[in-house]
Every structure is written in C-alpha cells, then in structure tokens.
Protein backbone atom coordinates (compact mmCIF):
# COMPACT_ATOMS: atom_id res chain seq x y z
CA MET A 1 -18.69 -21.75 -16.61
CA THR A 2 -17.06 -20.97 -19.95
CA GLU A 3 -14.79 -23.34 -21.89
CA ARG A 4 -11.85 -21.02 -21.09
CA GLN A 5 -12.60 -21.23 -17.35
CA ARG A 6 -12.78 -25.04 -17.51
CA THR A 7 -9.46 -25.33 -19.34
CA ALA A 8 -7.55 -22.39 -17.81
CA THR A 9 -4.12 -23.19 -16.41
CA PRO A 10 -4.09 -23.03 -12.61
CA PRO A 11 -1.81 -20.24 -11.25
CA GLU A 12 0.68 -22.74 -9.80
CA GLN A 13 1.21 -24.22 -13.28
CA ARG A 14 1.56 -20.93 -15.15
CA THR A 15 4.83 -19.72 -16.62
CA PRO A 16 6.66 -17.54 -14.06
CA ALA A 17 7.20 -13.91 -14.98
CA GLY A 18 10.31 -13.56 -17.13
CA ALA A 19 10.38 -17.24 -18.15
CA LYS A 20 9.85 -18.27 -21.76
CA GLN A 21 6.65 -20.08 -22.51
CA LYS A 22 7.01 -23.56 -23.95
CA THR A 23 4.25 -22.93 -26.49
CA GLY A 24 6.30 -20.48 -28.53
CA LEU A 25 3.46 -17.97 -28.35
CA PRO A 26 4.34 -14.42 -27.31
CA GLU A 27 3.73 -13.45 -23.71
CA LEU A 28 1.17 -10.76 -23.10
CA GLY A 29 0.75 -8.73 -19.95
CA LEU A 30 -1.37 -5.85 -18.76
CA MET A 31 -0.52 -2.60 -17.00
CA GLU A 32 -3.30 -1.30 -14.78
CA TRP A 33 -3.49 1.19 -11.95
CA PHE A 34 -5.99 0.58 -9.15
CA ARG A 35 -6.95 3.01 -6.40
CA PRO A 36 -7.54 1.87 -2.82
CA GLY A 37 -11.01 0.43 -2.39
CA GLU A 38 -11.55 -0.69 -6.00
CA HIS A 39 -12.16 -4.31 -4.99
CA GLU A 40 -14.93 -4.94 -7.52
CA ARG A 41 -12.88 -3.48 -10.37
CA VAL A 42 -9.91 -5.68 -9.45
CA GLU A 43 -12.17 -8.73 -9.65
CA ARG A 44 -13.58 -7.61 -13.03
CA VAL A 45 -10.10 -7.00 -14.45
CA LEU A 46 -8.85 -10.38 -13.21
CA ALA A 47 -11.88 -12.09 -14.78
CA ASP A 48 -11.24 -10.27 -18.07
CA MET A 49 -7.56 -11.24 -17.96
CA GLU A 50 -8.50 -14.88 -17.39
CA ARG A 51 -10.93 -14.78 -20.30
CA LEU A 52 -8.25 -13.26 -22.56
CA GLY A 53 -5.52 -15.65 -21.42
CA ILE A 54 -3.38 -12.86 -19.90
CA ASP A 55 -1.50 -13.93 -16.80
CA HIS A 56 0.98 -11.08 -16.13
CA ILE A 57 0.17 -7.67 -14.65
CA ARG A 58 2.21 -4.61 -13.79
CA THR A 59 0.52 -2.30 -11.31
CA GLY A 60 1.33 0.84 -9.39
CA VAL A 61 1.90 0.89 -5.65
CA SER A 62 1.74 4.37 -4.18
CA TRP A 63 4.07 4.97 -1.25
CA ALA A 64 1.80 7.87 -0.28
CA ASP A 65 -1.18 5.49 -0.01
CA CYS A 66 0.92 3.08 2.05
CA TYR A 67 1.21 5.76 4.74
CA THR A 68 -2.57 5.87 5.27
CA GLU A 69 -4.68 3.35 7.19
CA GLU A 70 -6.88 2.78 4.13
CA GLY A 71 -3.81 2.25 1.95
CA ARG A 72 -2.24 -0.29 4.32
CA LYS A 73 -5.49 -2.29 4.41
CA TRP A 74 -5.80 -2.03 0.63
CA TYR A 75 -2.33 -3.32 -0.20
CA LYS A 76 -2.64 -6.08 2.41
CA TRP A 77 -5.63 -7.35 0.37
CA PHE A 78 -4.69 -6.18 -3.13
CA LEU A 79 -1.23 -7.62 -3.81
CA PRO A 80 -1.97 -11.12 -2.45
CA ARG A 81 -5.26 -11.12 -4.40
CA LEU A 82 -3.47 -10.39 -7.66
CA ALA A 83 -0.73 -12.92 -6.91
CA ARG A 84 -3.27 -15.72 -6.45
CA SER A 85 -4.33 -15.27 -10.08
CA VAL A 86 -1.47 -13.77 -12.09
CA ALA A 87 2.25 -12.96 -12.04
CA VAL A 88 2.61 -9.45 -10.53
CA LEU A 89 5.21 -6.75 -11.11
CA PRO A 90 4.56 -3.93 -8.60
CA CYS A 91 5.89 -0.50 -9.57
CA PHE A 92 6.45 1.79 -6.57
CA THR A 93 5.61 5.44 -7.18
CA TYR A 94 5.30 8.70 -5.27
CA THR A 95 8.17 7.82 -2.92
CA PRO A 96 8.30 10.42 -0.13
CA PRO A 97 11.59 12.37 -0.03
CA SER A 98 12.07 11.26 3.58
CA ILE A 99 12.61 7.65 2.47
CA GLY A 100 13.74 8.14 -1.13
C-alpha cells in the first residue's frame, strides 16, 4: 500500500462536486469516456485518479447503449462503481429523437 493510499480521504469525507475545498488548492477533475464492458479500464483509471488526488470525473452516458441489454447491465454497474470512489457528472449523449 502506498503512502497516498494510506492517507487518502475516504469518499464520504471528500468535498462534494461544486463545493469549494477548504485547502484553497484548485479542484481538478477528469473527463473520460468508457465503453460498455471496460471494467478493468475503469478500475485502472480510478486507481490512477486516487494516486493523483483527483476525485471528480465527468463521463459520457450513451442513450443508445442504454437501449441494449449489455448497456443496461453496464450502467447498472458503472455509475455506482464510479460514485463509490469519486464525484460523478454524467453527460448524456446520443439521445434518440423519439425521446429527445
């Protein structure tokens, strides 16, 4: 276990998205797009974010993927997994005209 992992702030004690940090340091977030099934890459990115002290992520959510069985399973796992570790801002894309 690294020093950063031993001293990392637990998610429940992190600054909520949009709130000013008490340290006066600038907030830093990450924007990353993940495709359904990229479980291992999600875990690697979250580990890298932890190591770098980044606790905000913006990520794409494809409406088109949500209409597939694989997509529904993916987002059922993916969004809660991110939220356990970092503040999440989902960005919905590819909205079908029938619901847009």
